[in-house]
Amino acid sequence: MSELKKKPATSELLDWLKLLMVDDLPPEALRATDGKSAIPPLYGALLKNEQDVHLFERLAFLSRARQR
């Protein structure tokens, strides 16, 4: 997403991976290709600031609305 103010770096990726391991999410949760689950679980850990979280949520909402 080029609109993000700050793109995720290695630190955010590692934090996200740790959260996925702690939550014991099945690999299928990350492989989902349908529109409703195309948003990665625990995505907030990948984003650096609240503005980017809101932007991502708006874009995800618009994407879901288009798929209907």
C-alpha atoms as a PDB file:
ATOM      1  CA  MET A   1       0.000   0.000   0.000  1.00  0.00           C
ATOM      2  CA  SER A   2       1.770   3.099  -1.192  1.00  0.00           C
ATOM      3  CA  GLU A   3      -0.559   5.375   0.793  1.00  0.00           C
ATOM      4  CA  LEU A   4       0.872   4.366   4.164  1.00  0.00           C
ATOM      5  CA  LYS A   5       2.771   7.059   6.012  1.00  0.00           C
ATOM      6  CA  LYS A   6       5.247   4.505   7.328  1.00  0.00           C
ATOM      7  CA  LYS A   7       5.611   1.107   5.714  1.00  0.00           C
ATOM      8  CA  PRO A   8       6.142  -1.913   7.965  1.00  0.00           C
ATOM      9  CA  ALA A   9       9.756  -2.734   8.632  1.00  0.00           C
ATOM     10  CA  THR A  10      11.450  -5.881   9.862  1.00  0.00           C
ATOM     11  CA  SER A  11      10.572  -5.046  13.460  1.00  0.00           C
ATOM     12  CA  GLU A  12       6.835  -4.935  12.720  1.00  0.00           C
ATOM     13  CA  LEU A  13       7.057  -8.142  10.700  1.00  0.00           C
ATOM     14  CA  LEU A  14       8.783  -9.942  13.551  1.00  0.00           C
ATOM     15  CA  ASP A  15       6.230  -8.625  16.059  1.00  0.00           C
ATOM     16  CA  TRP A  16       3.392  -9.801  13.797  1.00  0.00           C
ATOM     17  CA  LEU A  17       4.932 -13.256  13.400  1.00  0.00           C
ATOM     18  CA  LYS A  18       5.320 -13.561  17.181  1.00  0.00           C
ATOM     19  CA  LEU A  19       1.653 -12.663  17.661  1.00  0.00           C
ATOM     20  CA  LEU A  20       0.608 -15.252  15.083  1.00  0.00           C
ATOM     21  CA  MET A  21       2.619 -17.894  16.929  1.00  0.00           C
ATOM     22  CA  VAL A  22       1.197 -16.907  20.329  1.00  0.00           C
ATOM     23  CA  ASP A  23      -2.358 -17.024  18.973  1.00  0.00           C
ATOM     24  CA  ASP A  24      -1.567 -20.390  17.377  1.00  0.00           C
ATOM     25  CA  LEU A  25      -3.336 -19.462  14.145  1.00  0.00           C
ATOM     26  CA  PRO A  26      -3.516 -22.240  11.551  1.00  0.00           C
ATOM     27  CA  PRO A  27      -1.616 -21.675   8.283  1.00  0.00           C
ATOM     28  CA  GLU A  28      -4.953 -21.708   6.450  1.00  0.00           C
ATOM     29  CA  ALA A  29      -5.822 -18.410   8.124  1.00  0.00           C
ATOM     30  CA  LEU A  30      -2.970 -16.777   6.210  1.00  0.00           C
ATOM     31  CA  ARG A  31      -3.670 -18.501   2.905  1.00  0.00           C
ATOM     32  CA  ALA A  32      -7.298 -17.463   2.594  1.00  0.00           C
ATOM     33  CA  THR A  33      -8.078 -15.954  -0.790  1.00  0.00           C
ATOM     34  CA  ASP A  34     -11.731 -15.035  -0.377  1.00  0.00           C
ATOM     35  CA  GLY A  35     -12.522 -11.344   0.002  1.00  0.00           C
ATOM     36  CA  LYS A  36     -13.776 -11.588   3.562  1.00  0.00           C
ATOM     37  CA  SER A  37     -10.572 -13.026   4.974  1.00  0.00           C
ATOM     38  CA  ALA A  38      -8.059 -11.399   2.634  1.00  0.00           C
ATOM     39  CA  ILE A  39      -7.142  -9.049   5.463  1.00  0.00           C
ATOM     40  CA  PRO A  40      -4.353 -10.664   7.460  1.00  0.00           C
ATOM     41  CA  PRO A  41      -5.126 -11.537  11.051  1.00  0.00           C
ATOM     42  CA  LEU A  42      -3.659  -9.183  13.626  1.00  0.00           C
ATOM     43  CA  TYR A  43      -2.817  -6.691  10.858  1.00  0.00           C
ATOM     44  CA  GLY A  44      -2.568  -3.841  13.350  1.00  0.00           C
ATOM     45  CA  ALA A  45       0.827  -5.132  14.468  1.00  0.00           C
ATOM     46  CA  LEU A  46       2.154  -4.508  10.955  1.00  0.00           C
ATOM     47  CA  LEU A  47       1.132  -0.867  10.910  1.00  0.00           C
ATOM     48  CA  LYS A  48       3.209   1.789  12.631  1.00  0.00           C
ATOM     49  CA  ASN A  49       0.659   4.464  13.428  1.00  0.00           C
ATOM     50  CA  GLU A  50      -3.039   4.940  13.991  1.00  0.00           C
ATOM     51  CA  GLN A  51      -3.556   6.889  10.759  1.00  0.00           C
ATOM     52  CA  ASP A  52      -2.290   3.924   8.771  1.00  0.00           C
ATOM     53  CA  VAL A  53      -4.577   1.565  10.680  1.00  0.00           C
ATOM     54  CA  HIS A  54      -7.591   3.741   9.809  1.00  0.00           C
ATOM     55  CA  LEU A  55      -6.486   3.986   6.176  1.00  0.00           C
ATOM     56  CA  PHE A  56      -6.074   0.220   5.938  1.00  0.00           C
ATOM     57  CA  GLU A  57      -9.494  -0.377   7.496  1.00  0.00           C
ATOM     58  CA  ARG A  58     -11.152   2.040   5.048  1.00  0.00           C
ATOM     59  CA  LEU A  59      -9.454   0.402   2.056  1.00  0.00           C
ATOM     60  CA  ALA A  60     -10.391  -3.062   3.320  1.00  0.00           C
ATOM     61  CA  PHE A  61     -14.012  -1.953   3.748  1.00  0.00           C
ATOM     62  CA  LEU A  62     -14.105  -0.541   0.210  1.00  0.00           C
ATOM     63  CA  SER A  63     -12.555  -3.713  -1.156  1.00  0.00           C
ATOM     64  CA  ARG A  64     -15.173  -5.866   0.542  1.00  0.00           C
ATOM     65  CA  ALA A  65     -17.986  -3.632  -0.693  1.00  0.00           C
ATOM     66  CA  ARG A  66     -16.771  -3.969  -4.294  1.00  0.00           C
ATOM     67  CA  GLN A  67     -16.702  -7.763  -4.056  1.00  0.00           C
ATOM     68  CA  ARG A  68     -20.382  -7.965  -3.125  1.00  0.00           C
END
